[in-house]
Amino acid sequence: MATNIGAYFEIPVTDLDRAINFYQLLLDIELERGSIHGYEMAFFPFENNGAGISGALCKGDVYKPSIEGSFIYLFTSDIDGVLSKAVELGSEILFEKTDAGNCFVAEIKDTEGNRICFTTRHQAE
C-alpha cells in the first residue's frame, strides 16, 4: 500500500505579485517565478531528497481562490509567529491555534481568499 502520497500543491491566486509578497514575508522564503502550460506561477522552495512536498502559487483561468474545497497544510516551527505576521500582512484568522492532540493547527485566509492551514511537526505541549 502506498503511503505519504502527497506530491505537489497549487494555491490559486488572482494577483501573483501580491501573493508572492505575502508568502515571502509570512514564511521568510523566496519564491521563484516560472510558468507551466502557459500559467504564471511562483514556486515554493524545494530540495530534492528533502522531507515533505512543494508547490506553487498559480494564476490563470482555471485557478479560483476559495476558502472552500481542499485544505492545504504547511509546516511551521512557529505557529504563533506565523499567525501574528499573517494578521500584520492583512490576513484573517479563520481558525485559531488549536491543540490537535499530536500537533497544533491553525487556519488563515490569505490575501487571495484561500484557506491556508498551518501545523507543527512536534507534539502539542
PDB file of N, CA and C in Angstrom:
ATOM      1  N   MET A   1       0.842  -1.178   0.000  1.00  0.00           N
ATOM      2  CA  MET A   1       0.000   0.000   0.000  1.00  0.00           C
ATOM      3  C   MET A   1       0.890   1.245   0.000  1.00  0.00           C
ATOM      4  N   ALA A   2       0.567   2.212  -0.837  1.00  0.00           N
ATOM      5  CA  ALA A   2       1.321   3.456  -0.900  1.00  0.00           C
ATOM      6  C   ALA A   2       1.068   4.291   0.355  1.00  0.00           C
ATOM      7  N   THR A   3       2.095   4.988   0.815  1.00  0.00           N
ATOM      8  CA  THR A   3       1.966   5.888   1.961  1.00  0.00           C
ATOM      9  C   THR A   3       2.557   7.245   1.602  1.00  0.00           C
ATOM     10  N   ASN A   4       2.176   8.257   2.367  1.00  0.00           N
ATOM     11  CA  ASN A   4       2.679   9.614   2.117  1.00  0.00           C
ATOM     12  C   ASN A   4       2.582   9.965   0.638  1.00  0.00           C
ATOM     13  N   ILE A   5       1.383   9.893   0.075  1.00  0.00           N
ATOM     14  CA  ILE A   5       1.223  10.032  -1.370  1.00  0.00           C
ATOM     15  C   ILE A   5       1.176  11.484  -1.853  1.00  0.00           C
ATOM     16  N   GLY A   6       1.218  12.450  -0.938  1.00  0.00           N
ATOM     17  CA  GLY A   6       1.242  13.847  -1.366  1.00  0.00           C
ATOM     18  C   GLY A   6       2.449  14.102  -2.249  1.00  0.00           C
ATOM     19  N   ALA A   7       2.246  14.817  -3.359  1.00  0.00           N
ATOM     20  CA  ALA A   7       3.334  15.047  -4.302  1.00  0.00           C
ATOM     21  C   ALA A   7       3.602  16.530  -4.548  1.00  0.00           C
ATOM     22  N   TYR A   8       2.550  17.351  -4.598  1.00  0.00           N
ATOM     23  CA  TYR A   8       2.700  18.735  -5.037  1.00  0.00           C
ATOM     24  C   TYR A   8       1.382  19.452  -4.784  1.00  0.00           C
ATOM     25  N   PHE A   9       1.426  20.752  -4.515  1.00  0.00           N
ATOM     26  CA  PHE A   9       0.194  21.519  -4.342  1.00  0.00           C
ATOM     27  C   PHE A   9       0.263  22.800  -5.164  1.00  0.00           C
ATOM     28  N   GLU A  10      -0.900  23.330  -5.501  1.00  0.00           N
ATOM     29  CA  GLU A  10      -1.003  24.605  -6.197  1.00  0.00           C
ATOM     30  C   GLU A  10      -2.026  25.474  -5.475  1.00  0.00           C
ATOM     31  N   ILE A  11      -1.634  26.706  -5.175  1.00  0.00           N
ATOM     32  CA  ILE A  11      -2.506  27.657  -4.500  1.00  0.00           C
ATOM     33  C   ILE A  11      -2.959  28.690  -5.531  1.00  0.00           C
ATOM     34  N   PRO A  12      -4.261  28.769  -5.809  1.00  0.00           N
ATOM     35  CA  PRO A  12      -4.774  29.719  -6.801  1.00  0.00           C
ATOM     36  C   PRO A  12      -4.597  31.170  -6.344  1.00  0.00           C
ATOM     37  N   VAL A  13      -4.251  32.048  -7.277  1.00  0.00           N
ATOM     38  CA  VAL A  13      -4.123  33.470  -6.972  1.00  0.00           C
ATOM     39  C   VAL A  13      -4.724  34.298  -8.101  1.00  0.00           C
ATOM     40  N   THR A  14      -5.148  35.512  -7.760  1.00  0.00           N
ATOM     41  CA  THR A  14      -5.604  36.452  -8.786  1.00  0.00           C
ATOM     42  C   THR A  14      -4.571  37.544  -9.024  1.00  0.00           C
ATOM     43  N   ASP A  15      -3.757  37.841  -8.018  1.00  0.00           N
ATOM     44  CA  ASP A  15      -2.696  38.845  -8.126  1.00  0.00           C
ATOM     45  C   ASP A  15      -1.396  38.179  -7.688  1.00  0.00           C
ATOM     46  N   LEU A  16      -0.617  37.717  -8.647  1.00  0.00           N
ATOM     47  CA  LEU A  16       0.592  36.948  -8.342  1.00  0.00           C
ATOM     48  C   LEU A  16       1.604  37.778  -7.557  1.00  0.00           C
ATOM     49  N   ASP A  17       1.793  39.033  -7.910  1.00  0.00           N
ATOM     50  CA  ASP A  17       2.755  39.873  -7.184  1.00  0.00           C
ATOM     51  C   ASP A  17       2.359  40.024  -5.719  1.00  0.00           C
ATOM     52  N   ARG A  18       1.084  40.291  -5.462  1.00  0.00           N
ATOM     53  CA  ARG A  18       0.598  40.441  -4.088  1.00  0.00           C
ATOM     54  C   ARG A  18       0.783  39.140  -3.311  1.00  0.00           C
ATOM     55  N   ALA A  19       0.460  38.021  -3.936  1.00  0.00           N
ATOM     56  CA  ALA A  19       0.584  36.722  -3.272  1.00  0.00           C
ATOM     57  C   ALA A  19       2.047  36.381  -2.992  1.00  0.00           C
ATOM     58  N   ILE A  20       2.925  36.649  -3.950  1.00  0.00           N
ATOM     59  CA  ILE A  20       4.360  36.402  -3.732  1.00  0.00           C
ATOM     60  C   ILE A  20       4.843  37.214  -2.539  1.00  0.00           C
ATOM     61  N   ASN A  21       4.512  38.487  -2.510  1.00  0.00           N
ATOM     62  CA  ASN A  21       4.924  39.350  -1.405  1.00  0.00           C
ATOM     63  C   ASN A  21       4.411  38.809  -0.072  1.00  0.00           C
ATOM     64  N   PHE A  22       3.143  38.426  -0.028  1.00  0.00           N
ATOM     65  CA  PHE A  22       2.543  37.903   1.201  1.00  0.00           C
ATOM     66  C   PHE A  22       3.285  36.661   1.698  1.00  0.00           C
ATOM     67  N   TYR A  23       3.455  35.667   0.858  1.00  0.00           N
ATOM     68  CA  TYR A  23       4.065  34.410   1.294  1.00  0.00           C
ATOM     69  C   TYR A  23       5.555  34.550   1.585  1.00  0.00           C
ATOM     70  N   GLN A  24       6.256  35.396   0.835  1.00  0.00           N
ATOM     71  CA  GLN A  24       7.677  35.594   1.126  1.00  0.00           C
ATOM     72  C   GLN A  24       7.862  36.254   2.488  1.00  0.00           C
ATOM     73  N   LEU A  25       7.053  37.269   2.790  1.00  0.00           N
ATOM     74  CA  LEU A  25       7.145  37.931   4.088  1.00  0.00           C
ATOM     75  C   LEU A  25       6.637  37.037   5.211  1.00  0.00           C
ATOM     76  N   LEU A  26       5.551  36.334   4.971  1.00  0.00           N
ATOM     77  CA  LEU A  26       4.954  35.483   6.001  1.00  0.00           C
ATOM     78  C   LEU A  26       5.874  34.344   6.409  1.00  0.00           C
ATOM     79  N   LEU A  27       6.480  33.685   5.429  1.00  0.00           N
ATOM     80  CA  LEU A  27       7.251  32.469   5.701  1.00  0.00           C
ATOM     81  C   LEU A  27       8.761  32.669   5.621  1.00  0.00           C
ATOM     82  N   ASP A  28       9.201  33.890   5.351  1.00  0.00           N
ATOM     83  CA  ASP A  28      10.628  34.198   5.224  1.00  0.00           C
ATOM     84  C   ASP A  28      11.305  33.255   4.229  1.00  0.00           C
ATOM     85  N   ILE A  29      10.742  33.212   3.027  1.00  0.00           N
ATOM     86  CA  ILE A  29      11.241  32.355   1.952  1.00  0.00           C
ATOM     87  C   ILE A  29      11.326  33.166   0.665  1.00  0.00           C
ATOM     88  N   GLU A  30      11.960  32.605  -0.342  1.00  0.00           N
ATOM     89  CA  GLU A  30      11.996  33.192  -1.677  1.00  0.00           C
ATOM     90  C   GLU A  30      11.240  32.269  -2.621  1.00  0.00           C
ATOM     91  N   LEU A  31      10.324  32.825  -3.380  1.00  0.00           N
ATOM     92  CA  LEU A  31       9.618  32.056  -4.401  1.00  0.00           C
ATOM     93  C   LEU A  31      10.241  32.358  -5.757  1.00  0.00           C
ATOM     94  N   GLU A  32      10.241  31.369  -6.632  1.00  0.00           N
ATOM     95  CA  GLU A  32      10.841  31.505  -7.957  1.00  0.00           C
ATOM     96  C   GLU A  32       9.745  31.542  -9.015  1.00  0.00           C
ATOM     97  N   ARG A  33       9.718  32.631  -9.787  1.00  0.00           N
ATOM     98  CA  ARG A  33       8.716  32.764 -10.851  1.00  0.00           C
ATOM     99  C   ARG A  33       8.995  31.795 -11.989  1.00  0.00           C
ATOM    100  N   GLY A  34       7.916  31.349 -12.613  1.00  0.00           N
ATOM    101  CA  GLY A  34       8.021  30.473 -13.767  1.00  0.00           C
ATOM    102  C   GLY A  34       6.658  30.320 -14.406  1.00  0.00           C
ATOM    103  N   SER A  35       6.549  29.375 -15.309  1.00  0.00           N
ATOM    104  CA  SER A  35       5.248  29.087 -15.915  1.00  0.00           C
ATOM    105  C   SER A  35       5.201  27.627 -16.335  1.00  0.00           C
ATOM    106  N   ILE A  36       4.006  27.092 -16.307  1.00  0.00           N
ATOM    107  CA  ILE A  36       3.748  25.730 -16.775  1.00  0.00           C
ATOM    108  C   ILE A  36       2.457  25.789 -17.584  1.00  0.00           C
ATOM    109  N   HIS A  37       2.485  25.239 -18.770  1.00  0.00           N
ATOM    110  CA  HIS A  37       1.312  25.201 -19.650  1.00  0.00           C
ATOM    111  C   HIS A  37       0.698  26.581 -19.865  1.00  0.00           C
ATOM    112  N   GLY A  38       1.537  27.612 -19.869  1.00  0.00           N
ATOM    113  CA  GLY A  38       1.062  28.966 -20.107  1.00  0.00           C
ATOM    114  C   GLY A  38       0.518  29.684 -18.888  1.00  0.00           C
ATOM    115  N   TYR A  39       0.539  29.052 -17.720  1.00  0.00           N
ATOM    116  CA  TYR A  39       0.050  29.680 -16.498  1.00  0.00           C
ATOM    117  C   TYR A  39       1.218  30.269 -15.718  1.00  0.00           C
ATOM    118  N   GLU A  40       1.032  31.507 -15.217  1.00  0.00           N
ATOM    119  CA  GLU A  40       2.050  32.144 -14.385  1.00  0.00           C
ATOM    120  C   GLU A  40       2.093  31.449 -13.034  1.00  0.00           C
ATOM    121  N   MET A  41       3.306  31.214 -12.541  1.00  0.00           N
ATOM    122  CA  MET A  41       3.460  30.537 -11.261  1.00  0.00           C
ATOM    123  C   MET A  41       4.623  31.134 -10.480  1.00  0.00           C
ATOM    124  N   ALA A  42       4.608  30.897  -9.193  1.00  0.00           N
ATOM    125  CA  ALA A  42       5.732  31.213  -8.319  1.00  0.00           C
ATOM    126  C   ALA A  42       5.924  29.990  -7.434  1.00  0.00           C
ATOM    127  N   PHE A  43       7.087  29.369  -7.545  1.00  0.00           N
ATOM    128  CA  PHE A  43       7.342  28.089  -6.900  1.00  0.00           C
ATOM    129  C   PHE A  43       7.931  28.257  -5.504  1.00  0.00           C
ATOM    130  N   PHE A  44       7.377  27.493  -4.563  1.00  0.00           N
ATOM    131  CA  PHE A  44       7.916  27.448  -3.211  1.00  0.00           C
ATOM    132  C   PHE A  44       9.253  26.711  -3.243  1.00  0.00           C
ATOM    133  N   PRO A  45      10.127  26.987  -2.258  1.00  0.00           N
ATOM    134  CA  PRO A  45      11.426  26.308  -2.230  1.00  0.00           C
ATOM    135  C   PRO A  45      11.256  24.792  -2.195  1.00  0.00           C
ATOM    136  N   PHE A  46      12.144  24.106  -2.870  1.00  0.00           N
ATOM    137  CA  PHE A  46      12.107  22.645  -2.923  1.00  0.00           C
ATOM    138  C   PHE A  46      13.530  22.122  -2.919  1.00  0.00           C
ATOM    139  N   GLU A  47      13.744  21.075  -2.169  1.00  0.00           N
ATOM    140  CA  GLU A  47      15.055  20.433  -2.116  1.00  0.00           C
ATOM    141  C   GLU A  47      14.873  18.961  -2.453  1.00  0.00           C
ATOM    142  N   ASN A  48      15.519  18.510  -3.511  1.00  0.00           N
ATOM    143  CA  ASN A  48      15.463  17.084  -3.847  1.00  0.00           C
ATOM    144  C   ASN A  48      15.924  16.272  -2.654  1.00  0.00           C
ATOM    145  N   ASN A  49      15.265  15.179  -2.398  1.00  0.00           N
ATOM    146  CA  ASN A  49      15.566  14.280  -1.284  1.00  0.00           C
ATOM    147  C   ASN A  49      15.264  14.895   0.078  1.00  0.00           C
ATOM    148  N   GLY A  50      14.619  16.059   0.100  1.00  0.00           N
ATOM    149  CA  GLY A  50      14.219  16.658   1.360  1.00  0.00           C
ATOM    150  C   GLY A  50      12.878  16.097   1.808  1.00  0.00           C
ATOM    151  N   ALA A  51      12.543  16.331   3.064  1.00  0.00           N
ATOM    152  CA  ALA A  51      11.260  15.864   3.588  1.00  0.00           C
ATOM    153  C   ALA A  51      10.141  16.761   3.077  1.00  0.00           C
ATOM    154  N   GLY A  52       8.970  16.207   2.896  1.00  0.00           N
ATOM    155  CA  GLY A  52       7.801  16.985   2.516  1.00  0.00           C
ATOM    156  C   GLY A  52       7.679  17.188   1.019  1.00  0.00           C
ATOM    157  N   ILE A  53       6.710  18.011   0.652  1.00  0.00           N
ATOM    158  CA  ILE A  53       6.435  18.297  -0.757  1.00  0.00           C
ATOM    159  C   ILE A  53       6.541  19.800  -0.976  1.00  0.00           C
ATOM    160  N   SER A  54       6.466  20.215  -2.200  1.00  0.00           N
ATOM    161  CA  SER A  54       6.480  21.633  -2.513  1.00  0.00           C
ATOM    162  C   SER A  54       5.296  21.959  -3.404  1.00  0.00           C
ATOM    163  N   GLY A  55       5.207  23.214  -3.788  1.00  0.00           N
ATOM    164  CA  GLY A  55       4.094  23.632  -4.616  1.00  0.00           C
ATOM    165  C   GLY A  55       4.333  25.000  -5.185  1.00  0.00           C
ATOM    166  N   ALA A  56       3.255  25.620  -5.637  1.00  0.00           N
ATOM    167  CA  ALA A  56       3.374  26.910  -6.301  1.00  0.00           C
ATOM    168  C   ALA A  56       2.121  27.745  -6.119  1.00  0.00           C
ATOM    169  N   LEU A  57       2.308  29.051  -6.227  1.00  0.00           N
ATOM    170  CA  LEU A  57       1.203  29.978  -6.402  1.00  0.00           C
ATOM    171  C   LEU A  57       0.902  29.976  -7.887  1.00  0.00           C
ATOM    172  N   CYS A  58      -0.366  29.925  -8.279  1.00  0.00           N
ATOM    173  CA  CYS A  58      -0.718  29.767  -9.695  1.00  0.00           C
ATOM    174  C   CYS A  58      -1.808  30.744 -10.106  1.00  0.00           C
ATOM    175  N   LYS A  59      -1.560  31.439 -11.225  1.00  0.00           N
ATOM    176  CA  LYS A  59      -2.523  32.397 -11.756  1.00  0.00           C
ATOM    177  C   LYS A  59      -2.973  31.944 -13.139  1.00  0.00           C
ATOM    178  N   GLY A  60      -4.280  31.905 -13.341  1.00  0.00           N
ATOM    179  CA  GLY A  60      -4.822  31.530 -14.641  1.00  0.00           C
ATOM    180  C   GLY A  60      -6.314  31.284 -14.550  1.00  0.00           C
ATOM    181  N   ASP A  61      -6.942  31.116 -15.690  1.00  0.00           N
ATOM    182  CA  ASP A  61      -8.396  30.975 -15.728  1.00  0.00           C
ATOM    183  C   ASP A  61      -8.916  29.735 -15.009  1.00  0.00           C
ATOM    184  N   VAL A  62      -8.106  28.714 -14.834  1.00  0.00           N
ATOM    185  CA  VAL A  62      -8.552  27.503 -14.138  1.00  0.00           C
ATOM    186  C   VAL A  62      -8.302  27.577 -12.630  1.00  0.00           C
ATOM    187  N   TYR A  63      -7.640  28.631 -12.166  1.00  0.00           N
ATOM    188  CA  TYR A  63      -7.302  28.775 -10.749  1.00  0.00           C
ATOM    189  C   TYR A  63      -8.232  29.779 -10.092  1.00  0.00           C
ATOM    190  N   LYS A  64      -9.053  29.315  -9.150  1.00  0.00           N
ATOM    191  CA  LYS A  64     -10.053  30.142  -8.475  1.00  0.00           C
ATOM    192  C   LYS A  64      -9.814  30.105  -6.963  1.00  0.00           C
ATOM    193  N   PRO A  65      -9.290  31.190  -6.380  1.00  0.00           N
ATOM    194  CA  PRO A  65      -9.100  31.221  -4.933  1.00  0.00           C
ATOM    195  C   PRO A  65     -10.413  30.976  -4.195  1.00  0.00           C
ATOM    196  N   SER A  66     -10.321  30.265  -3.058  1.00  0.00           N
ATOM    197  CA  SER A  66     -11.524  29.943  -2.293  1.00  0.00           C
ATOM    198  C   SER A  66     -11.153  29.467  -0.895  1.00  0.00           C
ATOM    199  N   ILE A  67     -12.057  29.679   0.050  1.00  0.00           N
ATOM    200  CA  ILE A  67     -11.877  29.082   1.372  1.00  0.00           C
ATOM    201  C   ILE A  67     -12.628  27.757   1.456  1.00  0.00           C
ATOM    202  N   GLU A  68     -13.260  27.367   0.382  1.00  0.00           N
ATOM    203  CA  GLU A  68     -13.981  26.095   0.318  1.00  0.00           C
ATOM    204  C   GLU A  68     -13.135  25.080  -0.445  1.00  0.00           C
ATOM    205  N   GLY A  69     -13.414  23.826  -0.276  1.00  0.00           N
ATOM    206  CA  GLY A  69     -12.681  22.799  -1.012  1.00  0.00           C
ATOM    207  C   GLY A  69     -11.545  22.221  -0.194  1.00  0.00           C
ATOM    208  N   SER A  70     -10.498  21.828  -0.870  1.00  0.00           N
ATOM    209  CA  SER A  70      -9.363  21.163  -0.222  1.00  0.00           C
ATOM    210  C   SER A  70      -8.653  22.088   0.756  1.00  0.00           C
ATOM    211  N   PHE A  71      -8.104  21.495   1.801  1.00  0.00           N
ATOM    212  CA  PHE A  71      -7.312  22.235   2.781  1.00  0.00           C
ATOM    213  C   PHE A  71      -5.844  21.893   2.540  1.00  0.00           C
ATOM    214  N   ILE A  72      -5.001  22.916   2.465  1.00  0.00           N
ATOM    215  CA  ILE A  72      -3.562  22.728   2.326  1.00  0.00           C
ATOM    216  C   ILE A  72      -2.936  23.049   3.672  1.00  0.00           C
ATOM    217  N   TYR A  73      -2.126  22.131   4.191  1.00  0.00           N
ATOM    218  CA  TYR A  73      -1.428  22.338   5.458  1.00  0.00           C
ATOM    219  C   TYR A  73       0.044  22.563   5.191  1.00  0.00           C
ATOM    220  N   LEU A  74       0.582  23.658   5.725  1.00  0.00           N
ATOM    221  CA  LEU A  74       2.000  23.967   5.620  1.00  0.00           C
ATOM    222  C   LEU A  74       2.630  23.826   7.001  1.00  0.00           C
ATOM    223  N   PHE A  75       3.813  23.228   7.053  1.00  0.00           N
ATOM    224  CA  PHE A  75       4.526  23.088   8.317  1.00  0.00           C
ATOM    225  C   PHE A  75       5.135  24.416   8.738  1.00  0.00           C
ATOM    226  N   THR A  76       5.163  24.648  10.044  1.00  0.00           N
ATOM    227  CA  THR A  76       5.863  25.791  10.620  1.00  0.00           C
ATOM    228  C   THR A  76       6.408  25.388  11.979  1.00  0.00           C
ATOM    229  N   SER A  77       7.541  25.951  12.347  1.00  0.00           N
ATOM    230  CA  SER A  77       8.081  25.708  13.686  1.00  0.00           C
ATOM    231  C   SER A  77       7.595  26.781  14.658  1.00  0.00           C
ATOM    232  N   ASP A  78       6.950  27.828  14.143  1.00  0.00           N
ATOM    233  CA  ASP A  78       6.483  28.943  14.965  1.00  0.00           C
ATOM    234  C   ASP A  78       5.072  29.348  14.543  1.00  0.00           C
ATOM    235  N   ILE A  79       4.101  28.569  14.945  1.00  0.00           N
ATOM    236  CA  ILE A  79       2.722  28.824  14.526  1.00  0.00           C
ATOM    237  C   ILE A  79       2.206  30.160  15.075  1.00  0.00           C
ATOM    238  N   ASP A  80       2.621  30.524  16.300  1.00  0.00           N
ATOM    239  CA  ASP A  80       2.201  31.812  16.865  1.00  0.00           C
ATOM    240  C   ASP A  80       2.770  32.970  16.049  1.00  0.00           C
ATOM    241  N   GLY A  81       4.039  32.860  15.674  1.00  0.00           N
ATOM    242  CA  GLY A  81       4.677  33.894  14.867  1.00  0.00           C
ATOM    243  C   GLY A  81       4.038  34.029  13.501  1.00  0.00           C
ATOM    244  N   VAL A  82       3.705  32.903  12.872  1.00  0.00           N
ATOM    245  CA  VAL A  82       3.061  32.929  11.555  1.00  0.00           C
ATOM    246  C   VAL A  82       1.694  33.601  11.647  1.00  0.00           C
ATOM    247  N   LEU A  83       0.914  33.272  12.667  1.00  0.00           N
ATOM    248  CA  LEU A  83      -0.411  33.883  12.814  1.00  0.00           C
ATOM    249  C   LEU A  83      -0.308  35.386  13.056  1.00  0.00           C
ATOM    250  N   SER A  84       0.627  35.785  13.902  1.00  0.00           N
ATOM    251  CA  SER A  84       0.826  37.204  14.189  1.00  0.00           C
ATOM    252  C   SER A  84       1.233  37.961  12.927  1.00  0.00           C
ATOM    253  N   LYS A  85       2.186  37.405  12.186  1.00  0.00           N
ATOM    254  CA  LYS A  85       2.650  38.054  10.958  1.00  0.00           C
ATOM    255  C   LYS A  85       1.547  38.073   9.905  1.00  0.00           C
ATOM    256  N   ALA A  86       0.752  37.009   9.832  1.00  0.00           N
ATOM    257  CA  ALA A  86      -0.347  36.952   8.865  1.00  0.00           C
ATOM    258  C   ALA A  86      -1.325  38.101   9.092  1.00  0.00           C
ATOM    259  N   VAL A  87      -1.662  38.356  10.346  1.00  0.00           N
ATOM    260  CA  VAL A  87      -2.577  39.452  10.670  1.00  0.00           C
ATOM    261  C   VAL A  87      -1.945  40.793  10.295  1.00  0.00           C
ATOM    262  N   GLU A  88      -0.653  40.964  10.597  1.00  0.00           N
ATOM    263  CA  GLU A  88       0.056  42.195  10.224  1.00  0.00           C
ATOM    264  C   GLU A  88       0.008  42.428   8.717  1.00  0.00           C
ATOM    265  N   LEU A  89       0.032  41.344   7.939  1.00  0.00           N
ATOM    266  CA  LEU A  89       0.037  41.437   6.482  1.00  0.00           C
ATOM    267  C   LEU A  89      -1.371  41.525   5.885  1.00  0.00           C
ATOM    268  N   GLY A  90      -2.392  41.639   6.757  1.00  0.00           N
ATOM    269  CA  GLY A  90      -3.760  41.821   6.281  1.00  0.00           C
ATOM    270  C   GLY A  90      -4.574  40.551   6.159  1.00  0.00           C
ATOM    271  N   SER A  91      -4.053  39.458   6.668  1.00  0.00           N
ATOM    272  CA  SER A  91      -4.754  38.181   6.609  1.00  0.00           C
ATOM    273  C   SER A  91      -5.789  38.092   7.727  1.00  0.00           C
ATOM    274  N   GLU A  92      -6.729  37.201   7.555  1.00  0.00           N
ATOM    275  CA  GLU A  92      -7.766  36.944   8.555  1.00  0.00           C
ATOM    276  C   GLU A  92      -7.544  35.551   9.132  1.00  0.00           C
ATOM    277  N   ILE A  93      -7.609  35.432  10.456  1.00  0.00           N
ATOM    278  CA  ILE A  93      -7.506  34.114  11.084  1.00  0.00           C
ATOM    279  C   ILE A  93      -8.883  33.467  11.036  1.00  0.00           C
ATOM    280  N   LEU A  94      -8.955  32.295  10.414  1.00  0.00           N
ATOM    281  CA  LEU A  94     -10.217  31.559  10.297  1.00  0.00           C
ATOM    282  C   LEU A  94     -10.385  30.547  11.421  1.00  0.00           C
ATOM    283  N   PHE A  95      -9.267  30.022  11.922  1.00  0.00           N
ATOM    284  CA  PHE A  95      -9.292  29.005  12.975  1.00  0.00           C
ATOM    285  C   PHE A  95      -8.060  29.235  13.837  1.00  0.00           C
ATOM    286  N   GLU A  96      -8.284  29.658  15.071  1.00  0.00           N
ATOM    287  CA  GLU A  96      -7.179  29.966  15.977  1.00  0.00           C
ATOM    288  C   GLU A  96      -6.322  28.730  16.248  1.00  0.00           C
ATOM    289  N   LYS A  97      -5.116  28.958  16.706  1.00  0.00           N
ATOM    290  CA  LYS A  97      -4.213  27.867  17.086  1.00  0.00           C
ATOM    291  C   LYS A  97      -4.941  26.933  18.047  1.00  0.00           C
ATOM    292  N   THR A  98      -4.940  25.659  17.693  1.00  0.00           N
ATOM    293  CA  THR A  98      -5.670  24.655  18.463  1.00  0.00           C
ATOM    294  C   THR A  98      -4.820  23.409  18.623  1.00  0.00           C
ATOM    295  N   ASP A  99      -4.890  22.816  19.796  1.00  0.00           N
ATOM    296  CA  ASP A  99      -4.198  21.557  20.062  1.00  0.00           C
ATOM    297  C   ASP A  99      -4.970  20.439  19.374  1.00  0.00           C
ATOM    298  N   ALA A 100      -4.339  19.783  18.418  1.00  0.00           N
ATOM    299  CA  ALA A 100      -4.980  18.687  17.680  1.00  0.00           C
ATOM    300  C   ALA A 100      -4.562  17.328  18.228  1.00  0.00           C
ATOM    301  N   GLY A 101      -3.979  17.309  19.398  1.00  0.00           N
ATOM    302  CA  GLY A 101      -3.590  16.049  20.023  1.00  0.00           C
ATOM    303  C   GLY A 101      -2.121  15.730  19.851  1.00  0.00           C
ATOM    304  N   ASN A 102      -1.652  15.696  18.629  1.00  0.00           N
ATOM    305  CA  ASN A 102      -0.235  15.399  18.395  1.00  0.00           C
ATOM    306  C   ASN A 102       0.486  16.567  17.722  1.00  0.00           C
ATOM    307  N   CYS A 103      -0.210  17.690  17.575  1.00  0.00           N
ATOM    308  CA  CYS A 103       0.375  18.884  16.962  1.00  0.00           C
ATOM    309  C   CYS A 103      -0.565  20.056  17.212  1.00  0.00           C
ATOM    310  N   PHE A 104      -0.137  21.240  16.797  1.00  0.00           N
ATOM    311  CA  PHE A 104      -1.021  22.399  16.795  1.00  0.00           C
ATOM    312  C   PHE A 104      -1.417  22.685  15.359  1.00  0.00           C
ATOM    313  N   VAL A 105      -2.618  23.202  15.171  1.00  0.00           N
ATOM    314  CA  VAL A 105      -3.086  23.606  13.843  1.00  0.00           C
ATOM    315  C   VAL A 105      -3.738  24.983  13.945  1.00  0.00           C
ATOM    316  N   ALA A 106      -3.757  25.695  12.825  1.00  0.00           N
ATOM    317  CA  ALA A 106      -4.441  26.983  12.712  1.00  0.00           C
ATOM    318  C   ALA A 106      -4.722  27.215  11.235  1.00  0.00           C
ATOM    319  N   GLU A 107      -5.678  28.104  10.946  1.00  0.00           N
ATOM    320  CA  GLU A 107      -6.037  28.392   9.557  1.00  0.00           C
ATOM    321  C   GLU A 107      -6.173  29.892   9.354  1.00  0.00           C
ATOM    322  N   ILE A 108      -5.728  30.356   8.185  1.00  0.00           N
ATOM    323  CA  ILE A 108      -5.879  31.757   7.815  1.00  0.00           C
ATOM    324  C   ILE A 108      -6.567  31.864   6.457  1.00  0.00           C
ATOM    325  N   LYS A 109      -7.024  33.054   6.159  1.00  0.00           N
ATOM    326  CA  LYS A 109      -7.478  33.400   4.812  1.00  0.00           C
ATOM    327  C   LYS A 109      -6.381  34.285   4.237  1.00  0.00           C
ATOM    328  N   ASP A 110      -5.732  33.839   3.173  1.00  0.00           N
ATOM    329  CA  ASP A 110      -4.614  34.600   2.617  1.00  0.00           C
ATOM    330  C   ASP A 110      -5.099  35.813   1.830  1.00  0.00           C
ATOM    331  N   THR A 111      -4.181  36.567   1.263  1.00  0.00           N
ATOM    332  CA  THR A 111      -4.534  37.789   0.539  1.00  0.00           C
ATOM    333  C   THR A 111      -5.352  37.524  -0.710  1.00  0.00           C
ATOM    334  N   GLU A 112      -5.362  36.282  -1.169  1.00  0.00           N
ATOM    335  CA  GLU A 112      -6.090  35.927  -2.386  1.00  0.00           C
ATOM    336  C   GLU A 112      -7.461  35.334  -2.099  1.00  0.00           C
ATOM    337  N   GLY A 113      -7.757  35.061  -0.824  1.00  0.00           N
ATOM    338  CA  GLY A 113      -9.044  34.489  -0.453  1.00  0.00           C
ATOM    339  C   GLY A 113      -9.035  32.987  -0.254  1.00  0.00           C
ATOM    340  N   ASN A 114      -7.839  32.388  -0.143  1.00  0.00           N
ATOM    341  CA  ASN A 114      -7.713  30.943   0.082  1.00  0.00           C
ATOM    342  C   ASN A 114      -7.630  30.619   1.560  1.00  0.00           C
ATOM    343  N   ARG A 115      -8.170  29.477   1.938  1.00  0.00           N
ATOM    344  CA  ARG A 115      -7.965  28.931   3.278  1.00  0.00           C
ATOM    345  C   ARG A 115      -6.617  28.205   3.250  1.00  0.00           C
ATOM    346  N   ILE A 116      -5.695  28.651   4.105  1.00  0.00           N
ATOM    347  CA  ILE A 116      -4.391  28.012   4.221  1.00  0.00           C
ATOM    348  C   ILE A 116      -4.218  27.601   5.673  1.00  0.00           C
ATOM    349  N   CYS A 117      -3.838  26.355   5.875  1.00  0.00           N
ATOM    350  CA  CYS A 117      -3.701  25.802   7.215  1.00  0.00           C
ATOM    351  C   CYS A 117      -2.226  25.646   7.565  1.00  0.00           C
ATOM    352  N   PHE A 118      -1.929  25.778   8.831  1.00  0.00           N
ATOM    353  CA  PHE A 118      -0.568  25.582   9.325  1.00  0.00           C
ATOM    354  C   PHE A 118      -0.590  24.528  10.409  1.00  0.00           C
ATOM    355  N   THR A 119       0.479  23.763  10.485  1.00  0.00           N
ATOM    356  CA  THR A 119       0.607  22.731  11.503  1.00  0.00           C
ATOM    357  C   THR A 119       2.051  22.670  11.969  1.00  0.00           C
ATOM    358  N   THR A 120       2.228  22.181  13.183  1.00  0.00           N
ATOM    359  CA  THR A 120       3.564  21.999  13.730  1.00  0.00           C
ATOM    360  C   THR A 120       4.003  20.564  13.492  1.00  0.00           C
ATOM    361  N   ARG A 121       5.290  20.337  13.485  1.00  0.00           N
ATOM    362  CA  ARG A 121       5.828  18.988  13.317  1.00  0.00           C
ATOM    363  C   ARG A 121       5.918  18.248  14.651  1.00  0.00           C
ATOM    364  N   HIS A 122       5.906  18.964  15.732  1.00  0.00           N
ATOM    365  CA  HIS A 122       6.101  18.365  17.046  1.00  0.00           C
ATOM    366  C   HIS A 122       4.776  18.161  17.768  1.00  0.00           C
ATOM    367  N   GLN A 123       4.844  17.417  18.827  1.00  0.00           N
ATOM    368  CA  GLN A 123       3.634  17.165  19.596  1.00  0.00           C
ATOM    369  C   GLN A 123       3.188  18.424  20.316  1.00  0.00           C
ATOM    370  N   ALA A 124       1.891  18.542  20.498  1.00  0.00           N
ATOM    371  CA  ALA A 124       1.334  19.665  21.250  1.00  0.00           C
ATOM    372  C   ALA A 124       1.844  19.602  22.680  1.00  0.00           C
ATOM    373  N   GLU A 125       2.092  20.761  23.232  1.00  0.00           N
ATOM    374  CA  GLU A 125       2.619  20.811  24.606  1.00  0.00           C
ATOM    375  C   GLU A 125       1.529  21.211  25.566  1.00  0.00           C
TER     376      GLU A 125
END
